[in-house]
Amino acid sequence: MKENKISKKIKAQHIPFIIAGMIALVGLIFYNNIAIMGNLILLAAVIGIVPYALISYLEMKKIKDIEDRLPVFLLDLSEAQKIGMTLPEAIKQISRTDYGKLSLEIKKINDQISWGIPSQTAMENFAERTKKSKLIGRVVRIINETSKSGGDIAKTMESTASDLTMIKEAEKERKAVTAEHMMVMYAIYFIFIGIVIGLSQTLVPMLKLNIQAGAVGGIMSFQDPCTECLTSQNIFCVNCSIFSIMCEMFALGTGGGCYYNALFMLMAIIQGILTGLVAGQIGEGSILAGVKHSVIMTSAGFGALLIVQKFFVV
């Protein structure tokens, strides 16, 4: 039964990747139409990545909620043991208390103990279910080692709860400080997008005129960087191929205008992804937490540039 549940869970997690693969295969059918193929492959990438990132974020948020409730749980467990209850009796007693996301885990621990599973094993199973949290794993090891050695579990739990509270307070202080740095990261990125939009609306039209002047024999005229790639192919022409595909996918123009519009858009995407990951590491201490910032920044920057190219071309 347990294996079936695990199998179902694994299959559920793989569904977005399966759908993404099917869409990508459909996209390859339209290999003669780069715009359709490129957009379908882009859609497949979004379907494959975004659900996984969202599930990972929700799991991480759940772990954080459990960690926040853990000190209160340990204090209640300590108080129950001080009045003479054993660890299994104390867990059964406090399993009726509401601890938010932690309540479900406590009930699972209590159910396993009632089935005859040793309390230490039930606690280890709890740590395994929340293995993404190093903090919970350390707390479980401390409790189990104290129980094995015959120490004062109540006192150990009380001390551990106090330490956890101090750690959480330190994390809140750090977040309050780093929140300002996160806002600076957002400000820097959107200033960058503003500069890119300004360049696309002023510099690119000037370059187009300059290239046209060069075509009729203008002196000191600017040339399309990809002109040489039409006659000879080398490793330096890879970016021109990428930019050409982007221009066909999103109708970014042709010639020199295509080159620079695609360059600006690619810069905005890369900058958004990396800035978001750094913001997550600074603000929440996790690169994974930065995925949501990357999605917000990249979507906003990409959308702004695309709208400008579609409706505000000079």
C-alpha atoms as a PDB file:
ATOM      1  CA  MET A   1       0.000   0.000   0.000  1.00  0.00           C
ATOM      2  CA  LYS A   2       2.814   2.363   0.943  1.00  0.00           C
ATOM      3  CA  GLU A   3       4.661   1.565  -2.295  1.00  0.00           C
ATOM      4  CA  ASN A   4       1.503   2.375  -4.287  1.00  0.00           C
ATOM      5  CA  LYS A   5       1.206   5.764  -2.580  1.00  0.00           C
ATOM      6  CA  ILE A   6       4.848   6.558  -3.277  1.00  0.00           C
ATOM      7  CA  SER A   7       4.417   5.459  -6.892  1.00  0.00           C
ATOM      8  CA  LYS A   8       1.353   7.694  -7.284  1.00  0.00           C
ATOM      9  CA  LYS A   9       3.228  10.606  -5.755  1.00  0.00           C
ATOM     10  CA  ILE A  10       6.166  10.147  -8.106  1.00  0.00           C
ATOM     11  CA  LYS A  11       3.837   9.912 -11.112  1.00  0.00           C
ATOM     12  CA  ALA A  12       1.995  13.076 -10.022  1.00  0.00           C
ATOM     13  CA  GLN A  13       5.289  14.950  -9.809  1.00  0.00           C
ATOM     14  CA  HIS A  14       6.241  13.747 -13.294  1.00  0.00           C
ATOM     15  CA  ILE A  15       2.993  14.813 -14.971  1.00  0.00           C
ATOM     16  CA  PRO A  16       4.184  18.386 -15.816  1.00  0.00           C
ATOM     17  CA  PHE A  17       7.383  16.994 -17.360  1.00  0.00           C
ATOM     18  CA  ILE A  18       5.386  14.462 -19.415  1.00  0.00           C
ATOM     19  CA  ILE A  19       3.040  17.203 -20.688  1.00  0.00           C
ATOM     20  CA  ALA A  20       6.033  19.453 -21.421  1.00  0.00           C
ATOM     21  CA  GLY A  21       7.699  16.646 -23.396  1.00  0.00           C
ATOM     22  CA  MET A  22       4.566  16.054 -25.456  1.00  0.00           C
ATOM     23  CA  ILE A  23       4.253  19.775 -26.271  1.00  0.00           C
ATOM     24  CA  ALA A  24       7.945  19.912 -27.221  1.00  0.00           C
ATOM     25  CA  LEU A  25       7.462  16.957 -29.574  1.00  0.00           C
ATOM     26  CA  VAL A  26       4.472  18.693 -31.175  1.00  0.00           C
ATOM     27  CA  GLY A  27       6.666  21.781 -31.551  1.00  0.00           C
ATOM     28  CA  LEU A  28       9.313  19.789 -33.410  1.00  0.00           C
ATOM     29  CA  ILE A  29       6.684  18.842 -35.993  1.00  0.00           C
ATOM     30  CA  PHE A  30       6.604  22.515 -37.033  1.00  0.00           C
ATOM     31  CA  TYR A  31      10.360  22.653 -37.655  1.00  0.00           C
ATOM     32  CA  ASN A  32       9.699  24.568 -40.892  1.00  0.00           C
ATOM     33  CA  ASN A  33       8.028  27.362 -38.926  1.00  0.00           C
ATOM     34  CA  ILE A  34      10.515  28.625 -36.346  1.00  0.00           C
ATOM     35  CA  ALA A  35       7.981  30.971 -34.730  1.00  0.00           C
ATOM     36  CA  ILE A  36       5.492  28.183 -33.949  1.00  0.00           C
ATOM     37  CA  MET A  37       8.189  25.671 -32.990  1.00  0.00           C
ATOM     38  CA  GLY A  38       9.998  28.142 -30.747  1.00  0.00           C
ATOM     39  CA  ASN A  39       6.853  29.259 -28.942  1.00  0.00           C
ATOM     40  CA  LEU A  40       5.735  25.661 -28.345  1.00  0.00           C
ATOM     41  CA  ILE A  41       9.149  24.711 -26.953  1.00  0.00           C
ATOM     42  CA  LEU A  42       9.084  27.832 -24.756  1.00  0.00           C
ATOM     43  CA  LEU A  43       5.612  26.842 -23.530  1.00  0.00           C
ATOM     44  CA  ALA A  44       6.903  23.325 -22.806  1.00  0.00           C
ATOM     45  CA  ALA A  45       9.770  24.751 -20.754  1.00  0.00           C
ATOM     46  CA  VAL A  46       7.367  26.902 -18.728  1.00  0.00           C
ATOM     47  CA  ILE A  47       5.004  23.969 -18.094  1.00  0.00           C
ATOM     48  CA  GLY A  48       7.905  21.748 -17.076  1.00  0.00           C
ATOM     49  CA  ILE A  49       9.711  24.227 -14.808  1.00  0.00           C
ATOM     50  CA  VAL A  50       7.052  26.438 -13.196  1.00  0.00           C
ATOM     51  CA  PRO A  51       4.948  23.660 -11.528  1.00  0.00           C
ATOM     52  CA  TYR A  52       8.095  22.017 -10.129  1.00  0.00           C
ATOM     53  CA  ALA A  53       9.357  25.365  -8.823  1.00  0.00           C
ATOM     54  CA  LEU A  54       5.937  26.138  -7.309  1.00  0.00           C
ATOM     55  CA  ILE A  55       5.721  22.734  -5.579  1.00  0.00           C
ATOM     56  CA  SER A  56       9.263  23.140  -4.239  1.00  0.00           C
ATOM     57  CA  TYR A  57       8.425  26.607  -2.923  1.00  0.00           C
ATOM     58  CA  LEU A  58       5.241  25.389  -1.203  1.00  0.00           C
ATOM     59  CA  GLU A  59       7.157  22.501   0.390  1.00  0.00           C
ATOM     60  CA  MET A  60       9.799  24.902   1.639  1.00  0.00           C
ATOM     61  CA  LYS A  61       7.109  27.223   3.032  1.00  0.00           C
ATOM     62  CA  LYS A  62       5.528  24.261   4.833  1.00  0.00           C
ATOM     63  CA  ILE A  63       8.904  23.356   6.359  1.00  0.00           C
ATOM     64  CA  LYS A  64       9.380  26.935   7.555  1.00  0.00           C
ATOM     65  CA  ASP A  65       5.923  26.905   9.179  1.00  0.00           C
ATOM     66  CA  ILE A  66       6.757  23.632  10.955  1.00  0.00           C
ATOM     67  CA  GLU A  67      10.073  25.050  12.175  1.00  0.00           C
ATOM     68  CA  ASP A  68       8.297  28.136  13.541  1.00  0.00           C
ATOM     69  CA  ARG A  69       5.876  25.946  15.569  1.00  0.00           C
ATOM     70  CA  LEU A  70       8.523  23.516  16.768  1.00  0.00           C
ATOM     71  CA  PRO A  71       9.626  25.503  19.894  1.00  0.00           C
ATOM     72  CA  VAL A  72       6.035  25.663  21.214  1.00  0.00           C
ATOM     73  CA  PHE A  73       5.590  21.942  20.562  1.00  0.00           C
ATOM     74  CA  LEU A  74       8.794  21.103  22.453  1.00  0.00           C
ATOM     75  CA  LEU A  75       7.809  23.298  25.416  1.00  0.00           C
ATOM     76  CA  ASP A  76       4.382  21.642  25.634  1.00  0.00           C
ATOM     77  CA  LEU A  77       6.035  18.229  25.380  1.00  0.00           C
ATOM     78  CA  SER A  78       8.455  19.190  28.144  1.00  0.00           C
ATOM     79  CA  GLU A  79       5.647  20.395  30.427  1.00  0.00           C
ATOM     80  CA  ALA A  80       3.688  17.168  29.879  1.00  0.00           C
ATOM     81  CA  GLN A  81       6.727  15.087  30.837  1.00  0.00           C
ATOM     82  CA  LYS A  82       7.389  17.170  33.938  1.00  0.00           C
ATOM     83  CA  ILE A  83       4.054  16.034  35.389  1.00  0.00           C
ATOM     84  CA  GLY A  84       5.077  12.378  34.977  1.00  0.00           C
ATOM     85  CA  MET A  85       3.944  11.428  31.476  1.00  0.00           C
ATOM     86  CA  THR A  86       6.103   9.212  29.288  1.00  0.00           C
ATOM     87  CA  LEU A  87       7.113  10.471  25.836  1.00  0.00           C
ATOM     88  CA  PRO A  88       4.393   8.445  24.008  1.00  0.00           C
ATOM     89  CA  GLU A  89       1.754   9.622  26.523  1.00  0.00           C
ATOM     90  CA  ALA A  90       2.884  13.232  26.184  1.00  0.00           C
ATOM     91  CA  ILE A  91       2.735  13.061  22.366  1.00  0.00           C
ATOM     92  CA  LYS A  92      -0.761  11.535  22.524  1.00  0.00           C
ATOM     93  CA  GLN A  93      -1.897  14.281  24.895  1.00  0.00           C
ATOM     94  CA  ILE A  94      -0.617  17.232  22.857  1.00  0.00           C
ATOM     95  CA  SER A  95      -1.607  15.741  19.479  1.00  0.00           C
ATOM     96  CA  ARG A  96      -5.024  17.340  20.099  1.00  0.00           C
ATOM     97  CA  THR A  97      -3.464  20.817  20.190  1.00  0.00           C
ATOM     98  CA  ASP A  98      -3.433  22.987  17.081  1.00  0.00           C
ATOM     99  CA  TYR A  99       0.124  23.641  15.873  1.00  0.00           C
ATOM    100  CA  GLY A 100      -0.713  24.656  12.327  1.00  0.00           C
ATOM    101  CA  LYS A 101       1.186  22.664   9.707  1.00  0.00           C
ATOM    102  CA  LEU A 102       2.978  20.776  12.492  1.00  0.00           C
ATOM    103  CA  SER A 103      -0.277  19.274  13.816  1.00  0.00           C
ATOM    104  CA  LEU A 104      -0.532  16.759  10.972  1.00  0.00           C
ATOM    105  CA  GLU A 105       3.033  15.563  11.609  1.00  0.00           C
ATOM    106  CA  ILE A 106       2.366  15.178  15.349  1.00  0.00           C
ATOM    107  CA  LYS A 107      -0.738  13.116  14.619  1.00  0.00           C
ATOM    108  CA  LYS A 108       1.305  10.892  12.307  1.00  0.00           C
ATOM    109  CA  ILE A 109       3.878  10.383  15.087  1.00  0.00           C
ATOM    110  CA  ASN A 110       1.105   9.540  17.554  1.00  0.00           C
ATOM    111  CA  ASP A 111      -0.562   7.122  15.097  1.00  0.00           C
ATOM    112  CA  GLN A 112       2.706   5.294  14.469  1.00  0.00           C
ATOM    113  CA  ILE A 113       3.367   4.956  18.208  1.00  0.00           C
ATOM    114  CA  SER A 114      -0.172   3.608  18.714  1.00  0.00           C
ATOM    115  CA  TRP A 115       0.570   0.952  16.061  1.00  0.00           C
ATOM    116  CA  GLY A 116       3.469  -0.297  18.147  1.00  0.00           C
ATOM    117  CA  ILE A 117       6.272   1.551  16.391  1.00  0.00           C
ATOM    118  CA  PRO A 118       8.939   2.741  18.903  1.00  0.00           C
ATOM    119  CA  SER A 119       8.786   6.456  19.667  1.00  0.00           C
ATOM    120  CA  GLN A 120      12.380   6.954  18.497  1.00  0.00           C
ATOM    121  CA  THR A 121      11.578   5.368  15.127  1.00  0.00           C
ATOM    122  CA  ALA A 122       8.424   7.502  14.805  1.00  0.00           C
ATOM    123  CA  MET A 123      10.504  10.617  15.463  1.00  0.00           C
ATOM    124  CA  GLU A 124      13.069   9.503  12.868  1.00  0.00           C
ATOM    125  CA  ASN A 125      10.251   9.033  10.354  1.00  0.00           C
ATOM    126  CA  PHE A 126       9.159  12.599  11.115  1.00  0.00           C
ATOM    127  CA  ALA A 127      12.690  13.819  10.384  1.00  0.00           C
ATOM    128  CA  GLU A 128      12.715  11.801   7.144  1.00  0.00           C
ATOM    129  CA  ARG A 129       9.427  13.369   5.981  1.00  0.00           C
ATOM    130  CA  THR A 130      10.908  16.817   6.618  1.00  0.00           C
ATOM    131  CA  LYS A 131      14.437  15.954   5.501  1.00  0.00           C
ATOM    132  CA  LYS A 132      14.762  19.269   3.677  1.00  0.00           C
ATOM    133  CA  SER A 133      15.025  20.895   7.123  1.00  0.00           C
ATOM    134  CA  LYS A 134      18.400  20.380   8.785  1.00  0.00           C
ATOM    135  CA  LEU A 135      17.035  22.054  11.911  1.00  0.00           C
ATOM    136  CA  ILE A 136      14.287  19.461  12.456  1.00  0.00           C
ATOM    137  CA  GLY A 137      16.761  16.640  11.856  1.00  0.00           C
ATOM    138  CA  ARG A 138      19.101  18.003  14.537  1.00  0.00           C
ATOM    139  CA  VAL A 139      16.243  18.381  17.041  1.00  0.00           C
ATOM    140  CA  VAL A 140      15.095  14.783  16.477  1.00  0.00           C
ATOM    141  CA  ARG A 141      18.637  13.475  16.904  1.00  0.00           C
ATOM    142  CA  ILE A 142      19.042  15.397  20.168  1.00  0.00           C
ATOM    143  CA  ILE A 143      15.761  14.012  21.561  1.00  0.00           C
ATOM    144  CA  ASN A 144      16.537  10.431  20.502  1.00  0.00           C
ATOM    145  CA  GLU A 145      20.101  10.523  21.854  1.00  0.00           C
ATOM    146  CA  THR A 146      18.861  11.894  25.177  1.00  0.00           C
ATOM    147  CA  SER A 147      16.187   9.188  25.333  1.00  0.00           C
ATOM    148  CA  LYS A 148      18.738   6.441  24.572  1.00  0.00           C
ATOM    149  CA  SER A 149      21.203   7.664  27.191  1.00  0.00           C
ATOM    150  CA  GLY A 150      18.509   7.952  29.856  1.00  0.00           C
ATOM    151  CA  GLY A 151      18.926  11.706  30.277  1.00  0.00           C
ATOM    152  CA  ASP A 152      16.363  14.281  31.327  1.00  0.00           C
ATOM    153  CA  ILE A 153      14.283  14.572  28.156  1.00  0.00           C
ATOM    154  CA  ALA A 154      12.054  17.321  29.573  1.00  0.00           C
ATOM    155  CA  LYS A 155      15.024  19.537  30.385  1.00  0.00           C
ATOM    156  CA  THR A 156      16.640  18.791  27.019  1.00  0.00           C
ATOM    157  CA  MET A 157      13.464  19.733  25.162  1.00  0.00           C
ATOM    158  CA  GLU A 158      13.093  22.929  27.154  1.00  0.00           C
ATOM    159  CA  SER A 159      16.685  23.915  26.389  1.00  0.00           C
ATOM    160  CA  THR A 160      16.291  22.987  22.713  1.00  0.00           C
ATOM    161  CA  ALA A 161      13.078  25.053  22.461  1.00  0.00           C
ATOM    162  CA  SER A 162      14.903  28.045  23.931  1.00  0.00           C
ATOM    163  CA  ASP A 163      17.728  27.663  21.400  1.00  0.00           C
ATOM    164  CA  LEU A 164      15.264  27.338  18.526  1.00  0.00           C
ATOM    165  CA  THR A 165      13.463  30.499  19.627  1.00  0.00           C
ATOM    166  CA  MET A 166      16.750  32.408  19.648  1.00  0.00           C
ATOM    167  CA  ILE A 167      17.621  31.064  16.177  1.00  0.00           C
ATOM    168  CA  LYS A 168      14.236  32.099  14.799  1.00  0.00           C
ATOM    169  CA  GLU A 169      14.521  35.576  16.324  1.00  0.00           C
ATOM    170  CA  ALA A 170      17.956  35.957  14.751  1.00  0.00           C
ATOM    171  CA  GLU A 171      16.503  34.894  11.387  1.00  0.00           C
ATOM    172  CA  LYS A 172      13.722  37.485  11.686  1.00  0.00           C
ATOM    173  CA  GLU A 173      16.263  40.197  12.435  1.00  0.00           C
ATOM    174  CA  ARG A 174      18.334  39.103   9.459  1.00  0.00           C
ATOM    175  CA  LYS A 175      15.261  39.179   7.198  1.00  0.00           C
ATOM    176  CA  ALA A 176      14.396  42.679   8.389  1.00  0.00           C
ATOM    177  CA  VAL A 177      17.879  43.833   7.400  1.00  0.00           C
ATOM    178  CA  THR A 178      18.074  41.921   4.121  1.00  0.00           C
ATOM    179  CA  ALA A 179      14.576  43.028   3.033  1.00  0.00           C
ATOM    180  CA  GLU A 180      16.087  46.409   2.168  1.00  0.00           C
ATOM    181  CA  HIS A 181      18.767  44.721   0.079  1.00  0.00           C
ATOM    182  CA  MET A 182      16.077  42.742  -1.754  1.00  0.00           C
ATOM    183  CA  MET A 183      14.238  45.956  -2.602  1.00  0.00           C
ATOM    184  CA  VAL A 184      17.512  47.377  -3.917  1.00  0.00           C
ATOM    185  CA  MET A 185      17.907  44.290  -6.148  1.00  0.00           C
ATOM    186  CA  TYR A 186      14.409  44.857  -7.566  1.00  0.00           C
ATOM    187  CA  ALA A 187      15.112  48.563  -8.062  1.00  0.00           C
ATOM    188  CA  ILE A 188      18.386  47.840  -9.879  1.00  0.00           C
ATOM    189  CA  TYR A 189      16.704  45.364 -12.190  1.00  0.00           C
ATOM    190  CA  PHE A 190      13.808  47.644 -13.143  1.00  0.00           C
ATOM    191  CA  ILE A 191      16.209  50.571 -13.653  1.00  0.00           C
ATOM    192  CA  PHE A 192      18.128  48.264 -15.988  1.00  0.00           C
ATOM    193  CA  ILE A 193      14.902  47.460 -17.862  1.00  0.00           C
ATOM    194  CA  GLY A 194      14.158  51.188 -18.137  1.00  0.00           C
ATOM    195  CA  ILE A 195      17.606  51.819 -19.640  1.00  0.00           C
ATOM    196  CA  VAL A 196      17.162  48.923 -22.082  1.00  0.00           C
ATOM    197  CA  ILE A 197      13.763  50.267 -23.185  1.00  0.00           C
ATOM    198  CA  GLY A 198      15.305  53.711 -23.652  1.00  0.00           C
ATOM    199  CA  LEU A 199      18.081  52.259 -25.795  1.00  0.00           C
ATOM    200  CA  SER A 200      15.651  50.193 -27.861  1.00  0.00           C
ATOM    201  CA  GLN A 201      13.559  53.302 -28.560  1.00  0.00           C
ATOM    202  CA  THR A 202      16.406  55.687 -29.362  1.00  0.00           C
ATOM    203  CA  LEU A 203      19.618  53.878 -30.252  1.00  0.00           C
ATOM    204  CA  VAL A 204      18.142  51.067 -32.369  1.00  0.00           C
ATOM    205  CA  PRO A 205      16.213  53.416 -34.747  1.00  0.00           C
ATOM    206  CA  MET A 206      19.392  55.510 -35.141  1.00  0.00           C
ATOM    207  CA  LEU A 207      21.394  52.377 -35.935  1.00  0.00           C
ATOM    208  CA  LYS A 208      18.819  51.361 -38.535  1.00  0.00           C
ATOM    209  CA  LEU A 209      19.196  54.736 -40.257  1.00  0.00           C
ATOM    210  CA  ASN A 210      22.961  54.430 -40.045  1.00  0.00           C
ATOM    211  CA  ILE A 211      22.890  50.971 -41.624  1.00  0.00           C
ATOM    212  CA  GLN A 212      20.662  52.289 -44.423  1.00  0.00           C
ATOM    213  CA  ALA A 213      23.091  55.142 -44.966  1.00  0.00           C
ATOM    214  CA  GLY A 214      25.903  52.602 -45.195  1.00  0.00           C
ATOM    215  CA  ALA A 215      23.970  50.700 -47.834  1.00  0.00           C
ATOM    216  CA  VAL A 216      24.107  53.763 -50.141  1.00  0.00           C
ATOM    217  CA  GLY A 217      27.756  54.470 -49.463  1.00  0.00           C
ATOM    218  CA  GLY A 218      27.685  56.478 -46.256  1.00  0.00           C
ATOM    219  CA  ILE A 219      31.033  57.282 -44.631  1.00  0.00           C
ATOM    220  CA  MET A 220      31.733  55.900 -41.123  1.00  0.00           C
ATOM    221  CA  SER A 221      28.456  53.990 -41.309  1.00  0.00           C
ATOM    222  CA  PHE A 222      27.440  51.302 -38.823  1.00  0.00           C
ATOM    223  CA  GLN A 223      27.142  47.749 -40.077  1.00  0.00           C
ATOM    224  CA  ASP A 224      24.917  44.852 -39.014  1.00  0.00           C
ATOM    225  CA  PRO A 225      27.120  42.630 -36.752  1.00  0.00           C
ATOM    226  CA  CYS A 226      25.682  39.496 -38.392  1.00  0.00           C
ATOM    227  CA  THR A 227      26.337  40.518 -42.009  1.00  0.00           C
ATOM    228  CA  GLU A 228      29.543  38.491 -42.222  1.00  0.00           C
ATOM    229  CA  CYS A 229      27.737  35.382 -40.935  1.00  0.00           C
ATOM    230  CA  LEU A 230      25.670  35.301 -44.122  1.00  0.00           C
ATOM    231  CA  THR A 231      28.712  34.267 -46.135  1.00  0.00           C
ATOM    232  CA  SER A 232      30.840  32.428 -43.569  1.00  0.00           C
ATOM    233  CA  GLN A 233      29.938  30.410 -40.493  1.00  0.00           C
ATOM    234  CA  ASN A 234      32.109  30.274 -37.364  1.00  0.00           C
ATOM    235  CA  ILE A 235      31.687  29.960 -33.632  1.00  0.00           C
ATOM    236  CA  PHE A 236      31.119  33.712 -33.316  1.00  0.00           C
ATOM    237  CA  CYS A 237      27.993  33.400 -35.456  1.00  0.00           C
ATOM    238  CA  VAL A 238      26.173  31.239 -32.896  1.00  0.00           C
ATOM    239  CA  ASN A 239      24.727  34.320 -31.197  1.00  0.00           C
ATOM    240  CA  CYS A 240      23.443  35.564 -34.552  1.00  0.00           C
ATOM    241  CA  SER A 241      21.597  32.273 -35.071  1.00  0.00           C
ATOM    242  CA  ILE A 242      20.059  32.542 -31.598  1.00  0.00           C
ATOM    243  CA  PHE A 243      19.034  36.159 -32.153  1.00  0.00           C
ATOM    244  CA  SER A 244      17.548  35.289 -35.546  1.00  0.00           C
ATOM    245  CA  ILE A 245      15.362  32.601 -33.964  1.00  0.00           C
ATOM    246  CA  MET A 246      14.259  35.019 -31.216  1.00  0.00           C
ATOM    247  CA  CYS A 247      13.338  37.641 -33.802  1.00  0.00           C
ATOM    248  CA  GLU A 248      11.181  35.170 -35.715  1.00  0.00           C
ATOM    249  CA  MET A 249       9.539  33.925 -32.508  1.00  0.00           C
ATOM    250  CA  PHE A 250       8.657  37.354 -31.129  1.00  0.00           C
ATOM    251  CA  ALA A 251       8.664  39.539 -34.272  1.00  0.00           C
ATOM    252  CA  LEU A 252      11.565  41.719 -33.138  1.00  0.00           C
ATOM    253  CA  GLY A 253      12.425  43.026 -36.579  1.00  0.00           C
ATOM    254  CA  THR A 254      15.140  42.238 -39.084  1.00  0.00           C
ATOM    255  CA  GLY A 255      18.780  43.090 -39.730  1.00  0.00           C
ATOM    256  CA  GLY A 256      20.596  45.261 -37.217  1.00  0.00           C
ATOM    257  CA  GLY A 257      17.385  46.092 -35.389  1.00  0.00           C
ATOM    258  CA  CYS A 258      16.744  42.388 -34.861  1.00  0.00           C
ATOM    259  CA  TYR A 259      20.267  41.873 -33.506  1.00  0.00           C
ATOM    260  CA  TYR A 260      20.039  44.566 -30.846  1.00  0.00           C
ATOM    261  CA  ASN A 261      16.405  44.001 -29.886  1.00  0.00           C
ATOM    262  CA  ALA A 262      17.113  40.297 -29.355  1.00  0.00           C
ATOM    263  CA  LEU A 263      20.333  41.136 -27.488  1.00  0.00           C
ATOM    264  CA  PHE A 264      18.470  43.477 -25.112  1.00  0.00           C
ATOM    265  CA  MET A 265      15.726  40.915 -24.519  1.00  0.00           C
ATOM    266  CA  LEU A 266      18.215  38.122 -23.802  1.00  0.00           C
ATOM    267  CA  MET A 267      20.107  40.420 -21.433  1.00  0.00           C
ATOM    268  CA  ALA A 268      16.857  41.191 -19.583  1.00  0.00           C
ATOM    269  CA  ILE A 269      16.024  37.481 -19.242  1.00  0.00           C
ATOM    270  CA  ILE A 270      19.487  36.494 -17.978  1.00  0.00           C
ATOM    271  CA  GLN A 271      19.633  39.492 -15.649  1.00  0.00           C
ATOM    272  CA  GLY A 272      16.173  38.691 -14.266  1.00  0.00           C
ATOM    273  CA  ILE A 273      16.984  35.038 -13.581  1.00  0.00           C
ATOM    274  CA  LEU A 274      20.328  35.709 -11.877  1.00  0.00           C
ATOM    275  CA  THR A 275      19.171  38.781  -9.947  1.00  0.00           C
ATOM    276  CA  GLY A 276      16.150  36.848  -8.644  1.00  0.00           C
ATOM    277  CA  LEU A 277      18.303  33.952  -7.438  1.00  0.00           C
ATOM    278  CA  VAL A 278      20.669  36.347  -5.675  1.00  0.00           C
ATOM    279  CA  ALA A 279      17.685  38.136  -4.087  1.00  0.00           C
ATOM    280  CA  GLY A 280      16.404  34.801  -2.751  1.00  0.00           C
ATOM    281  CA  GLN A 281      19.804  33.912  -1.310  1.00  0.00           C
ATOM    282  CA  ILE A 282      20.152  37.325   0.336  1.00  0.00           C
ATOM    283  CA  GLY A 283      16.579  37.643   1.588  1.00  0.00           C
ATOM    284  CA  GLU A 284      15.678  34.080   2.569  1.00  0.00           C
ATOM    285  CA  GLY A 285      18.997  32.270   2.642  1.00  0.00           C
ATOM    286  CA  SER A 286      18.034  29.908  -0.185  1.00  0.00           C
ATOM    287  CA  ILE A 287      18.633  30.002  -3.931  1.00  0.00           C
ATOM    288  CA  LEU A 288      15.468  27.918  -4.372  1.00  0.00           C
ATOM    289  CA  ALA A 289      13.494  30.687  -2.665  1.00  0.00           C
ATOM    290  CA  GLY A 290      14.888  33.016  -5.320  1.00  0.00           C
ATOM    291  CA  VAL A 291      13.012  31.160  -8.081  1.00  0.00           C
ATOM    292  CA  LYS A 292       9.860  33.161  -7.369  1.00  0.00           C
ATOM    293  CA  HIS A 293      11.851  36.418  -7.574  1.00  0.00           C
ATOM    294  CA  SER A 294      13.405  35.238 -10.854  1.00  0.00           C
ATOM    295  CA  VAL A 295       9.954  34.461 -12.277  1.00  0.00           C
ATOM    296  CA  ILE A 296       8.601  37.876 -11.212  1.00  0.00           C
ATOM    297  CA  MET A 297      11.570  39.841 -12.556  1.00  0.00           C
ATOM    298  CA  THR A 298      11.984  37.885 -15.788  1.00  0.00           C
ATOM    299  CA  SER A 299       8.259  37.936 -16.577  1.00  0.00           C
ATOM    300  CA  ALA A 300       8.003  41.669 -15.888  1.00  0.00           C
ATOM    301  CA  GLY A 301      11.118  42.539 -17.892  1.00  0.00           C
ATOM    302  CA  PHE A 302      10.300  40.242 -20.804  1.00  0.00           C
ATOM    303  CA  GLY A 303       6.685  41.433 -20.889  1.00  0.00           C
ATOM    304  CA  ALA A 304       7.682  45.107 -20.787  1.00  0.00           C
ATOM    305  CA  LEU A 305      10.162  44.723 -23.646  1.00  0.00           C
ATOM    306  CA  LEU A 306       7.729  42.691 -25.718  1.00  0.00           C
ATOM    307  CA  ILE A 307       4.944  45.272 -25.261  1.00  0.00           C
ATOM    308  CA  VAL A 308       7.313  48.092 -26.200  1.00  0.00           C
ATOM    309  CA  GLN A 309       8.424  46.220 -29.334  1.00  0.00           C
ATOM    310  CA  LYS A 310       4.827  45.477 -30.349  1.00  0.00           C
ATOM    311  CA  PHE A 311       3.120  48.811 -29.684  1.00  0.00           C
ATOM    312  CA  PHE A 312       5.715  51.534 -29.180  1.00  0.00           C
ATOM    313  CA  VAL A 313       8.254  50.939 -31.961  1.00  0.00           C
ATOM    314  CA  VAL A 314       9.750  54.221 -33.119  1.00  0.00           C
END
